[in-house]
Amino acid sequence: MNNQEYVAIAIAAVEAIAQATPVVIEDIKALLKPIKEGRAPTAAEWDFAQQQLDDGNAAVQAG
């Protein structure tokens, strides 16, 4: 690979991460809610968080 190919890959990765950022923020908010309330996350909250992470990861991998 040449430098232009590396730059193109890096740009695509940064764009994918930027697109996934709102998902990550929502995931963090979902996990902070029970902590702020002084309790453990419910199964539904954990499932939501895991799905958000999976969706974000898929978006980054898709580029």
C-alpha atoms as a PDB file:
ATOM      1  CA  MET A   1       0.000   0.000   0.000  1.00  0.00           C
ATOM      2  CA  ASN A   2       1.108   3.513  -0.657  1.00  0.00           C
ATOM      3  CA  ASN A   3       0.596   6.582   1.506  1.00  0.00           C
ATOM      4  CA  GLN A   4      -2.552   7.638  -0.355  1.00  0.00           C
ATOM      5  CA  GLU A   5      -4.144   4.270   0.386  1.00  0.00           C
ATOM      6  CA  TYR A   6      -3.238   4.551   4.078  1.00  0.00           C
ATOM      7  CA  VAL A   7      -4.649   8.086   4.175  1.00  0.00           C
ATOM      8  CA  ALA A   8      -7.882   6.918   2.538  1.00  0.00           C
ATOM      9  CA  ILE A   9      -8.223   4.088   5.070  1.00  0.00           C
ATOM     10  CA  ALA A  10      -7.490   6.455   7.958  1.00  0.00           C
ATOM     11  CA  ILE A  11     -10.061   8.960   6.710  1.00  0.00           C
ATOM     12  CA  ALA A  12     -12.695   6.246   6.347  1.00  0.00           C
ATOM     13  CA  ALA A  13     -11.957   4.996   9.870  1.00  0.00           C
ATOM     14  CA  VAL A  14     -12.205   8.476  11.391  1.00  0.00           C
ATOM     15  CA  GLU A  15     -15.469   9.118   9.527  1.00  0.00           C
ATOM     16  CA  ALA A  16     -16.910   5.811  10.757  1.00  0.00           C
ATOM     17  CA  ILE A  17     -15.885   6.600  14.332  1.00  0.00           C
ATOM     18  CA  ALA A  18     -17.432  10.069  14.052  1.00  0.00           C
ATOM     19  CA  GLN A  19     -20.670   8.534  12.805  1.00  0.00           C
ATOM     20  CA  ALA A  20     -20.659   6.025  15.671  1.00  0.00           C
ATOM     21  CA  THR A  21     -20.036   8.706  18.312  1.00  0.00           C
ATOM     22  CA  PRO A  22     -23.743   9.464  18.947  1.00  0.00           C
ATOM     23  CA  VAL A  23     -24.329   5.747  19.526  1.00  0.00           C
ATOM     24  CA  VAL A  24     -21.458   5.598  21.997  1.00  0.00           C
ATOM     25  CA  ILE A  25     -22.753   8.668  23.823  1.00  0.00           C
ATOM     26  CA  GLU A  26     -26.224   7.143  24.151  1.00  0.00           C
ATOM     27  CA  ASP A  27     -24.646   3.946  25.431  1.00  0.00           C
ATOM     28  CA  ILE A  28     -22.662   5.843  28.058  1.00  0.00           C
ATOM     29  CA  LYS A  29     -25.767   7.760  29.137  1.00  0.00           C
ATOM     30  CA  ALA A  30     -27.732   4.509  29.409  1.00  0.00           C
ATOM     31  CA  LEU A  31     -25.060   2.954  31.617  1.00  0.00           C
ATOM     32  CA  LEU A  32     -24.579   6.063  33.762  1.00  0.00           C
ATOM     33  CA  LYS A  33     -28.276   6.334  34.591  1.00  0.00           C
ATOM     34  CA  PRO A  34     -28.402   3.352  36.981  1.00  0.00           C
ATOM     35  CA  ILE A  35     -25.027   4.271  38.471  1.00  0.00           C
ATOM     36  CA  LYS A  36     -26.304   7.767  39.236  1.00  0.00           C
ATOM     37  CA  GLU A  37     -29.390   6.169  40.775  1.00  0.00           C
ATOM     38  CA  GLY A  38     -27.184   3.973  42.956  1.00  0.00           C
ATOM     39  CA  ARG A  39     -28.235   0.672  41.440  1.00  0.00           C
ATOM     40  CA  ALA A  40     -26.974  -1.950  39.047  1.00  0.00           C
ATOM     41  CA  PRO A  41     -28.176  -1.812  35.434  1.00  0.00           C
ATOM     42  CA  THR A  42     -31.201  -3.959  34.666  1.00  0.00           C
ATOM     43  CA  ALA A  43     -30.985  -6.758  32.122  1.00  0.00           C
ATOM     44  CA  ALA A  44     -32.784  -4.519  29.629  1.00  0.00           C
ATOM     45  CA  GLU A  45     -30.272  -1.703  30.192  1.00  0.00           C
ATOM     46  CA  TRP A  46     -27.362  -4.092  29.687  1.00  0.00           C
ATOM     47  CA  ASP A  47     -28.998  -5.506  26.554  1.00  0.00           C
ATOM     48  CA  PHE A  48     -29.487  -1.978  25.194  1.00  0.00           C
ATOM     49  CA  ALA A  49     -25.871  -1.085  25.953  1.00  0.00           C
ATOM     50  CA  GLN A  50     -24.582  -4.245  24.288  1.00  0.00           C
ATOM     51  CA  GLN A  51     -26.716  -3.646  21.202  1.00  0.00           C
ATOM     52  CA  GLN A  52     -25.468  -0.063  20.983  1.00  0.00           C
ATOM     53  CA  LEU A  53     -21.872  -1.284  21.164  1.00  0.00           C
ATOM     54  CA  ASP A  54     -22.532  -3.959  18.551  1.00  0.00           C
ATOM     55  CA  ASP A  55     -24.161  -1.413  16.224  1.00  0.00           C
ATOM     56  CA  GLY A  56     -21.296   1.034  16.694  1.00  0.00           C
ATOM     57  CA  ASN A  57     -18.722  -1.660  16.065  1.00  0.00           C
ATOM     58  CA  ALA A  58     -20.532  -2.795  12.921  1.00  0.00           C
ATOM     59  CA  ALA A  59     -20.609   0.793  11.634  1.00  0.00           C
ATOM     60  CA  VAL A  60     -16.887   1.232  12.243  1.00  0.00           C
ATOM     61  CA  GLN A  61     -16.073  -2.116  10.621  1.00  0.00           C
ATOM     62  CA  ALA A  62     -18.218  -1.255   7.582  1.00  0.00           C
ATOM     63  CA  GLY A  63     -16.278   1.970   7.129  1.00  0.00           C
END
